């Protein structure tokens, strides 16, 4: 039994001429996997149309509503510099938000212009209204009230206007 152990050494079964075969196979397999995942991502974004820069809406009203939602996201993420009470986009260094859109049955490109104004602070329940435009500031921007007006220009220069308010 001891002689059979000495005959089965690991050196006997090594392949000396293919030292880098495993490395090359691993690189080729990872490259193939990367190509397959990239193709799946490309077709998924094209199929669900999530990678489009210009959104397609069924009407100008839907485009204006989408622009209002976009403005709310900008407010939540603190991307609008409206620090002073009464300040609006379109004045100073903060331009109005302009978005482009298409209609589902029309190949032309249209625009939505959004104006956001910081108009005041929400009053806490049970407190008197004091000052101009409810001027008590709260920590973290809680209770800030914004006015959002979206104007979508559509076919034949029709204008759809949506006015909304948002309380942070």
Foldseek 3Di string as FASTA:
>chain_A
DVVVVVVDDPVVVDDPVPPCVVVVVVVVVVVVVVVVVVVVVVVVCVVVVPPDQAEEAQDLQVVQVVVVVVVVVCVVVVVFPQPDAFDKACPDPHHWDKGWYHYPVDPDIWIKTKMKHFHAFADDPPDDQDDPRSHDADPPQARTKMKMWMWIQDPPRDIDIDIDMDGD
